[in-house]
């Protein structure tokens, strides 16, 4: 019986090893996924909503403060994304696609900000983009 179970155990171990993360990026992805799953079941979930609202506000403040140099597009995209998320969460809690739309707008806001050239007078004089 032990001889018959050994090949089965070896095959099972090979399958488990194939799904085991081997690179640091894969480890980070697995830990992030498990951390998000764990976070949804903690007793501190009620504290997360105000914390996320504060982080949304900080993000908008930073975008608005740097808007004269980078343009107001990223700020308005972020503001729209936050408004969609808050509206979907309070008015239409069953429509999850609106939450994904708001998250997409928030990510688009960050990407537009990252890829927008600096328009400050100093960067135009030197021909270089500032990295502040």
N, C-alpha and C. Protein backbone atom coordinates (compact mmCIF):
# COMPACT_ATOMS: atom_id res chain seq x y z
N UNK A 1 0.82 -1.19 0.00
CA UNK A 1 0.00 0.00 0.00
C UNK A 1 0.86 1.26 0.00
N UNK A 2 1.97 1.26 0.76
CA UNK A 2 2.84 2.42 0.82
C UNK A 2 3.50 2.67 -0.52
N UNK A 3 3.82 1.63 -1.27
CA UNK A 3 4.43 1.80 -2.59
C UNK A 3 3.45 2.41 -3.58
N UNK A 4 2.18 2.10 -3.44
CA UNK A 4 1.18 2.64 -4.37
C UNK A 4 0.90 4.11 -4.08
N UNK A 5 1.01 4.52 -2.85
CA UNK A 5 0.69 5.91 -2.51
C UNK A 5 1.87 6.86 -2.80
N UNK A 6 3.05 6.33 -2.91
CA UNK A 6 4.22 7.18 -3.14
C UNK A 6 4.15 7.93 -4.48
N UNK A 7 3.82 7.29 -5.61
CA UNK A 7 3.71 8.06 -6.86
C UNK A 7 2.58 9.09 -6.82
N UNK A 8 1.50 8.75 -6.14
CA UNK A 8 0.39 9.70 -6.02
C UNK A 8 0.82 10.92 -5.20
N UNK A 9 1.55 10.68 -4.12
CA UNK A 9 2.05 11.77 -3.29
C UNK A 9 3.04 12.64 -4.07
N UNK A 10 3.90 12.01 -4.86
CA UNK A 10 4.87 12.75 -5.68
C UNK A 10 4.16 13.62 -6.71
N UNK A 11 3.14 13.09 -7.35
CA UNK A 11 2.39 13.86 -8.34
C UNK A 11 1.66 15.03 -7.68
N UNK A 12 1.07 14.77 -6.53
CA UNK A 12 0.37 15.83 -5.81
C UNK A 12 1.34 16.93 -5.38
N UNK A 13 2.50 16.55 -4.90
CA UNK A 13 3.51 17.52 -4.50
C UNK A 13 3.98 18.35 -5.70
N UNK A 14 4.10 17.74 -6.86
CA UNK A 14 4.49 18.47 -8.07
C UNK A 14 3.45 19.50 -8.46
N UNK A 15 2.19 19.14 -8.33
CA UNK A 15 1.12 20.08 -8.66
C UNK A 15 1.12 21.25 -7.68
N UNK A 16 1.28 20.96 -6.39
CA UNK A 16 1.33 22.02 -5.38
C UNK A 16 2.54 22.92 -5.63
N UNK A 17 3.67 22.35 -5.96
CA UNK A 17 4.88 23.12 -6.21
C UNK A 17 4.74 24.01 -7.44
N UNK A 18 3.97 23.56 -8.42
CA UNK A 18 3.77 24.36 -9.62
C UNK A 18 3.02 25.65 -9.31
N UNK A 19 2.10 25.62 -8.34
CA UNK A 19 1.34 26.82 -7.99
C UNK A 19 2.00 27.64 -6.89
N UNK A 20 3.09 27.19 -6.34
CA UNK A 20 3.81 27.90 -5.29
C UNK A 20 4.60 29.04 -5.92
N UNK A 21 4.55 30.25 -5.36
CA UNK A 21 5.28 31.37 -5.97
C UNK A 21 6.79 31.17 -5.89
N UNK A 22 7.45 31.52 -6.99
CA UNK A 22 8.89 31.30 -7.07
C UNK A 22 9.70 32.60 -7.15
N UNK A 23 9.06 33.69 -7.53
CA UNK A 23 9.80 34.96 -7.66
C UNK A 23 9.28 35.96 -6.62
N UNK A 24 10.04 37.00 -6.32
CA UNK A 24 9.61 37.98 -5.32
C UNK A 24 8.31 38.71 -5.72
N UNK A 25 8.12 38.97 -7.00
CA UNK A 25 6.90 39.64 -7.44
C UNK A 25 5.69 38.74 -7.21
N UNK A 26 5.86 37.46 -7.43
CA UNK A 26 4.76 36.52 -7.21
C UNK A 26 4.43 36.43 -5.71
N UNK A 27 5.47 36.43 -4.88
CA UNK A 27 5.23 36.42 -3.43
C UNK A 27 4.45 37.65 -3.02
N UNK A 28 4.82 38.82 -3.57
CA UNK A 28 4.13 40.06 -3.23
C UNK A 28 2.66 39.99 -3.66
N UNK A 29 2.41 39.43 -4.83
CA UNK A 29 1.02 39.32 -5.31
C UNK A 29 0.21 38.39 -4.42
N UNK A 30 0.78 37.24 -4.05
CA UNK A 30 0.07 36.30 -3.17
C UNK A 30 -0.20 36.93 -1.81
N UNK A 31 0.80 37.59 -1.23
CA UNK A 31 0.62 38.19 0.09
C UNK A 31 -0.40 39.33 0.04
N UNK A 32 -0.39 40.09 -1.05
CA UNK A 32 -1.38 41.16 -1.20
C UNK A 32 -2.78 40.59 -1.28
N UNK A 33 -2.93 39.52 -2.04
CA UNK A 33 -4.24 38.89 -2.17
C UNK A 33 -4.73 38.35 -0.83
N UNK A 34 -3.87 37.63 -0.13
CA UNK A 34 -4.27 37.07 1.15
C UNK A 34 -4.49 38.17 2.19
N UNK A 35 -3.72 39.25 2.12
CA UNK A 35 -3.92 40.37 3.03
C UNK A 35 -5.26 41.04 2.80
N UNK A 36 -5.65 41.20 1.54
CA UNK A 36 -6.95 41.79 1.24
C UNK A 36 -8.10 40.92 1.71
N UNK A 37 -7.96 39.62 1.57
CA UNK A 37 -8.99 38.70 2.03
C UNK A 37 -9.06 38.74 3.55
N UNK A 38 -7.92 38.80 4.22
CA UNK A 38 -7.90 38.85 5.68
C UNK A 38 -8.50 40.17 6.16
N UNK A 39 -8.20 41.26 5.48
CA UNK A 39 -8.64 42.58 5.90
C UNK A 39 -10.16 42.69 5.89
N UNK A 40 -10.82 42.01 4.98
CA UNK A 40 -12.28 42.08 4.89
C UNK A 40 -12.96 41.40 6.07
N UNK A 41 -12.24 40.55 6.79
CA UNK A 41 -12.84 39.81 7.90
C UNK A 41 -12.32 40.24 9.26
N UNK A 42 -11.65 41.37 9.33
CA UNK A 42 -11.15 41.86 10.62
C UNK A 42 -12.24 42.65 11.34
N UNK A 43 -12.13 42.79 12.64
CA UNK A 43 -13.12 43.60 13.37
C UNK A 43 -12.94 45.10 13.15
N UNK A 44 -11.88 45.50 12.45
CA UNK A 44 -11.60 46.92 12.26
C UNK A 44 -12.11 47.44 10.92
N UNK A 45 -12.97 46.71 10.25
CA UNK A 45 -13.48 47.12 8.94
C UNK A 45 -14.24 48.44 9.05
N UNK A 46 -14.93 48.68 10.15
CA UNK A 46 -15.68 49.92 10.32
C UNK A 46 -14.76 51.14 10.33
N UNK A 47 -13.51 50.97 10.73
CA UNK A 47 -12.55 52.07 10.75
C UNK A 47 -11.96 52.33 9.36
N UNK A 48 -12.06 51.38 8.47
CA UNK A 48 -11.44 51.54 7.16
C UNK A 48 -12.13 52.59 6.30
N UNK A 49 -13.44 52.69 6.40
CA UNK A 49 -14.18 53.64 5.56
C UNK A 49 -13.74 55.08 5.83
N UNK A 50 -13.69 55.55 7.08
CA UNK A 50 -13.18 56.91 7.31
C UNK A 50 -11.72 57.07 6.92
N UNK A 51 -10.92 56.03 7.11
CA UNK A 51 -9.52 56.10 6.72
C UNK A 51 -9.39 56.26 5.20
N UNK A 52 -10.16 55.49 4.46
CA UNK A 52 -10.13 55.60 3.00
C UNK A 52 -10.64 56.95 2.53
N UNK A 53 -11.66 57.49 3.19
CA UNK A 53 -12.14 58.83 2.85
C UNK A 53 -11.04 59.87 3.08
N UNK A 54 -10.31 59.73 4.17
CA UNK A 54 -9.20 60.64 4.43
C UNK A 54 -8.11 60.53 3.37
N UNK A 55 -7.80 59.31 2.95
CA UNK A 55 -6.79 59.12 1.90
C UNK A 55 -7.28 59.66 0.56
N UNK A 56 -8.58 59.50 0.28
CA UNK A 56 -9.14 60.10 -0.93
C UNK A 56 -8.96 61.62 -0.90
N UNK A 57 -9.28 62.22 0.27
CA UNK A 57 -9.12 63.66 0.40
C UNK A 57 -7.68 64.11 0.25
N UNK A 58 -6.74 63.36 0.81
CA UNK A 58 -5.33 63.69 0.67
C UNK A 58 -4.89 63.60 -0.79
N UNK A 59 -5.36 62.58 -1.49
CA UNK A 59 -5.04 62.43 -2.90
C UNK A 59 -5.57 63.62 -3.70
N UNK A 60 -6.81 64.02 -3.45
CA UNK A 60 -7.37 65.17 -4.15
C UNK A 60 -6.63 66.46 -3.81
N UNK A 61 -6.24 66.62 -2.55
CA UNK A 61 -5.50 67.81 -2.15
C UNK A 61 -4.17 67.90 -2.89
N UNK A 62 -3.47 66.79 -2.99
CA UNK A 62 -2.18 66.78 -3.69
C UNK A 62 -2.37 67.07 -5.17
N UNK A 63 -3.39 66.47 -5.77
CA UNK A 63 -3.65 66.72 -7.19
C UNK A 63 -4.03 68.18 -7.44
N UNK A 64 -4.82 68.75 -6.54
CA UNK A 64 -5.23 70.14 -6.70
C UNK A 64 -4.06 71.09 -6.48
N UNK A 65 -3.20 70.78 -5.53
CA UNK A 65 -2.05 71.63 -5.26
C UNK A 65 -1.06 71.66 -6.43
N UNK A 66 -0.95 70.55 -7.13
CA UNK A 66 -0.01 70.49 -8.26
C UNK A 66 -0.69 70.72 -9.59
N UNK A 67 -1.97 71.06 -9.58
CA UNK A 67 -2.72 71.26 -10.82
C UNK A 67 -2.19 72.42 -11.67
N UNK A 68 -1.74 73.54 -11.10
CA UNK A 68 -1.22 74.60 -11.97
C UNK A 68 -0.02 74.17 -12.81
N UNK A 69 0.75 73.21 -12.33
CA UNK A 69 1.92 72.74 -13.09
C UNK A 69 1.58 71.59 -14.03
N UNK A 70 0.62 70.74 -13.66
CA UNK A 70 0.33 69.54 -14.44
C UNK A 70 -1.01 69.58 -15.15
N UNK A 71 -1.85 70.56 -14.84
CA UNK A 71 -3.17 70.64 -15.42
C UNK A 71 -4.23 70.11 -14.46
N UNK A 72 -5.46 70.48 -14.72
CA UNK A 72 -6.57 70.11 -13.85
C UNK A 72 -7.24 68.81 -14.24
N UNK A 73 -6.82 68.19 -15.33
CA UNK A 73 -7.43 66.93 -15.78
C UNK A 73 -7.35 65.81 -14.75
N UNK A 74 -6.16 65.53 -14.19
CA UNK A 74 -6.09 64.47 -13.19
C UNK A 74 -6.93 64.74 -11.95
N UNK A 75 -7.01 66.02 -11.53
CA UNK A 75 -7.83 66.36 -10.37
C UNK A 75 -9.30 66.06 -10.64
N UNK A 76 -9.79 66.48 -11.80
CA UNK A 76 -11.21 66.25 -12.11
C UNK A 76 -11.52 64.78 -12.32
N UNK A 77 -10.58 64.03 -12.90
CA UNK A 77 -10.79 62.58 -13.01
C UNK A 77 -10.88 61.93 -11.63
N UNK A 78 -9.97 62.32 -10.74
CA UNK A 78 -10.00 61.78 -9.38
C UNK A 78 -11.25 62.18 -8.62
N UNK A 79 -11.67 63.44 -8.78
CA UNK A 79 -12.88 63.91 -8.12
C UNK A 79 -14.11 63.16 -8.63
N UNK A 80 -14.16 62.92 -9.94
CA UNK A 80 -15.26 62.16 -10.51
C UNK A 80 -15.24 60.71 -10.00
N UNK A 81 -14.06 60.12 -9.93
CA UNK A 81 -13.95 58.76 -9.43
C UNK A 81 -14.41 58.62 -7.99
N UNK A 82 -14.01 59.58 -7.15
CA UNK A 82 -14.43 59.55 -5.76
C UNK A 82 -15.94 59.76 -5.64
N UNK A 83 -16.48 60.68 -6.45
CA UNK A 83 -17.93 60.92 -6.42
C UNK A 83 -18.71 59.68 -6.86
N UNK A 84 -18.20 58.99 -7.87
CA UNK A 84 -18.88 57.76 -8.33
C UNK A 84 -18.82 56.69 -7.24
N UNK A 85 -17.67 56.53 -6.61
CA UNK A 85 -17.53 55.52 -5.55
C UNK A 85 -18.46 55.84 -4.38
N UNK A 86 -18.45 57.09 -3.92
CA UNK A 86 -19.31 57.45 -2.79
C UNK A 86 -20.79 57.36 -3.15
N UNK A 87 -21.15 57.80 -4.36
CA UNK A 87 -22.54 57.70 -4.80
C UNK A 87 -23.00 56.27 -4.94
N UNK A 88 -22.14 55.43 -5.49
CA UNK A 88 -22.51 54.02 -5.66
C UNK A 88 -22.62 53.33 -4.31
N UNK A 89 -21.78 53.71 -3.39
CA UNK A 89 -21.80 53.06 -2.06
C UNK A 89 -23.02 53.48 -1.24
N UNK A 90 -23.45 54.74 -1.37
CA UNK A 90 -24.56 55.21 -0.55
C UNK A 90 -25.91 55.08 -1.24
N UNK A 91 -25.98 55.39 -2.53
CA UNK A 91 -27.27 55.40 -3.22
C UNK A 91 -27.63 54.07 -3.88
N UNK A 92 -26.66 53.42 -4.48
CA UNK A 92 -26.90 52.17 -5.21
C UNK A 92 -25.94 51.09 -4.74
N UNK A 93 -26.10 50.56 -3.53
CA UNK A 93 -25.11 49.60 -3.01
C UNK A 93 -25.10 48.27 -3.76
N UNK A 94 -26.12 47.96 -4.53
CA UNK A 94 -26.15 46.69 -5.26
C UNK A 94 -25.40 46.71 -6.57
N UNK A 95 -25.13 47.90 -7.10
CA UNK A 95 -24.44 48.01 -8.39
C UNK A 95 -22.94 48.08 -8.19
N UNK A 96 -22.29 46.93 -8.27
CA UNK A 96 -20.84 46.88 -8.05
C UNK A 96 -20.07 47.42 -9.25
N UNK A 97 -20.69 47.44 -10.42
CA UNK A 97 -19.97 47.94 -11.59
C UNK A 97 -19.67 49.43 -11.44
N UNK A 98 -20.50 50.16 -10.70
CA UNK A 98 -20.22 51.57 -10.46
C UNK A 98 -18.98 51.74 -9.58
N UNK A 99 -18.80 50.84 -8.63
CA UNK A 99 -17.57 50.90 -7.82
C UNK A 99 -16.34 50.67 -8.69
N UNK A 100 -16.43 49.71 -9.60
CA UNK A 100 -15.30 49.46 -10.50
C UNK A 100 -15.06 50.64 -11.44
N UNK A 101 -16.13 51.29 -11.86
CA UNK A 101 -15.98 52.49 -12.69
C UNK A 101 -15.26 53.59 -11.91
N UNK A 102 -15.64 53.80 -10.65
CA UNK A 102 -14.97 54.80 -9.83
C UNK A 102 -13.50 54.47 -9.61
N UNK A 103 -13.20 53.19 -9.36
CA UNK A 103 -11.80 52.79 -9.18
C UNK A 103 -11.02 52.99 -10.47
N UNK A 104 -11.64 52.70 -11.61
CA UNK A 104 -10.97 52.90 -12.90
C UNK A 104 -10.68 54.38 -13.11
N UNK A 105 -11.61 55.24 -12.76
CA UNK A 105 -11.37 56.67 -12.89
C UNK A 105 -10.25 57.14 -11.96
N UNK A 106 -10.17 56.57 -10.77
CA UNK A 106 -9.09 56.93 -9.86
C UNK A 106 -7.72 56.50 -10.40
N UNK A 107 -7.66 55.30 -10.95
CA UNK A 107 -6.41 54.82 -11.55
C UNK A 107 -6.06 55.66 -12.77
N UNK A 108 -7.06 56.00 -13.58
CA UNK A 108 -6.82 56.84 -14.75
C UNK A 108 -6.29 58.21 -14.32
N UNK A 109 -6.80 58.73 -13.22
CA UNK A 109 -6.32 60.00 -12.70
C UNK A 109 -4.84 59.93 -12.37
N UNK A 110 -4.44 58.86 -11.70
CA UNK A 110 -3.01 58.71 -11.36
C UNK A 110 -2.15 58.54 -12.60
N UNK A 111 -2.65 57.78 -13.57
CA UNK A 111 -1.87 57.58 -14.79
C UNK A 111 -1.75 58.87 -15.60
N UNK A 112 -2.84 59.61 -15.71
CA UNK A 112 -2.78 60.88 -16.45
C UNK A 112 -1.82 61.84 -15.76
N UNK A 113 -1.86 61.87 -14.43
CA UNK A 113 -0.93 62.73 -13.70
C UNK A 113 0.51 62.31 -13.94
N UNK A 114 0.76 61.02 -13.93
CA UNK A 114 2.12 60.52 -14.10
C UNK A 114 2.69 60.80 -15.48
N UNK A 115 1.83 60.79 -16.49
CA UNK A 115 2.32 60.95 -17.86
C UNK A 115 2.11 62.35 -18.41
N UNK A 116 1.70 63.30 -17.58
CA UNK A 116 1.53 64.68 -18.01
C UNK A 116 2.82 65.43 -17.76
N UNK A 117 3.25 66.20 -18.76
CA UNK A 117 4.49 66.95 -18.63
C UNK A 117 4.30 68.13 -17.69
N UNK A 118 5.37 68.50 -17.00
CA UNK A 118 5.37 69.63 -16.09
C UNK A 118 5.34 70.92 -16.92
N UNK A 119 4.42 71.85 -16.56
CA UNK A 119 4.28 73.09 -17.32
C UNK A 119 4.79 74.30 -16.55
N UNK A 120 5.60 74.11 -15.53
CA UNK A 120 6.08 75.24 -14.75
C UNK A 120 7.08 76.04 -15.57
N UNK A 121 7.22 77.34 -15.29
CA UNK A 121 8.15 78.18 -16.06
C UNK A 121 9.59 77.70 -16.00
N UNK A 122 10.02 77.16 -14.86
CA UNK A 122 11.39 76.68 -14.73
C UNK A 122 11.66 75.52 -15.67
N UNK A 123 10.70 74.60 -15.79
CA UNK A 123 10.91 73.46 -16.67
C UNK A 123 10.89 73.88 -18.13
N UNK A 124 10.16 74.94 -18.46
CA UNK A 124 10.15 75.42 -19.83
C UNK A 124 11.44 76.13 -20.19
N UNK A 125 12.06 76.81 -19.21
CA UNK A 125 13.33 77.48 -19.46
C UNK A 125 14.47 76.50 -19.65
N UNK A 126 14.49 75.45 -18.84
CA UNK A 126 15.60 74.50 -18.91
C UNK A 126 15.33 73.38 -19.92
N UNK A 127 14.09 73.21 -20.31
CA UNK A 127 13.77 72.16 -21.26
C UNK A 127 13.68 70.80 -20.60
N UNK A 128 13.69 70.77 -19.26
CA UNK A 128 13.63 69.52 -18.51
C UNK A 128 12.38 69.49 -17.67
N UNK A 129 11.94 68.29 -17.36
CA UNK A 129 10.76 68.10 -16.52
C UNK A 129 11.20 68.01 -15.07
N UNK A 130 10.50 68.74 -14.19
CA UNK A 130 10.81 68.63 -12.76
C UNK A 130 10.19 67.36 -12.22
N UNK A 131 10.82 66.81 -11.19
CA UNK A 131 10.34 65.57 -10.60
C UNK A 131 9.87 65.75 -9.17
N UNK A 132 9.28 66.87 -8.83
CA UNK A 132 8.86 67.10 -7.44
C UNK A 132 7.68 66.32 -7.15
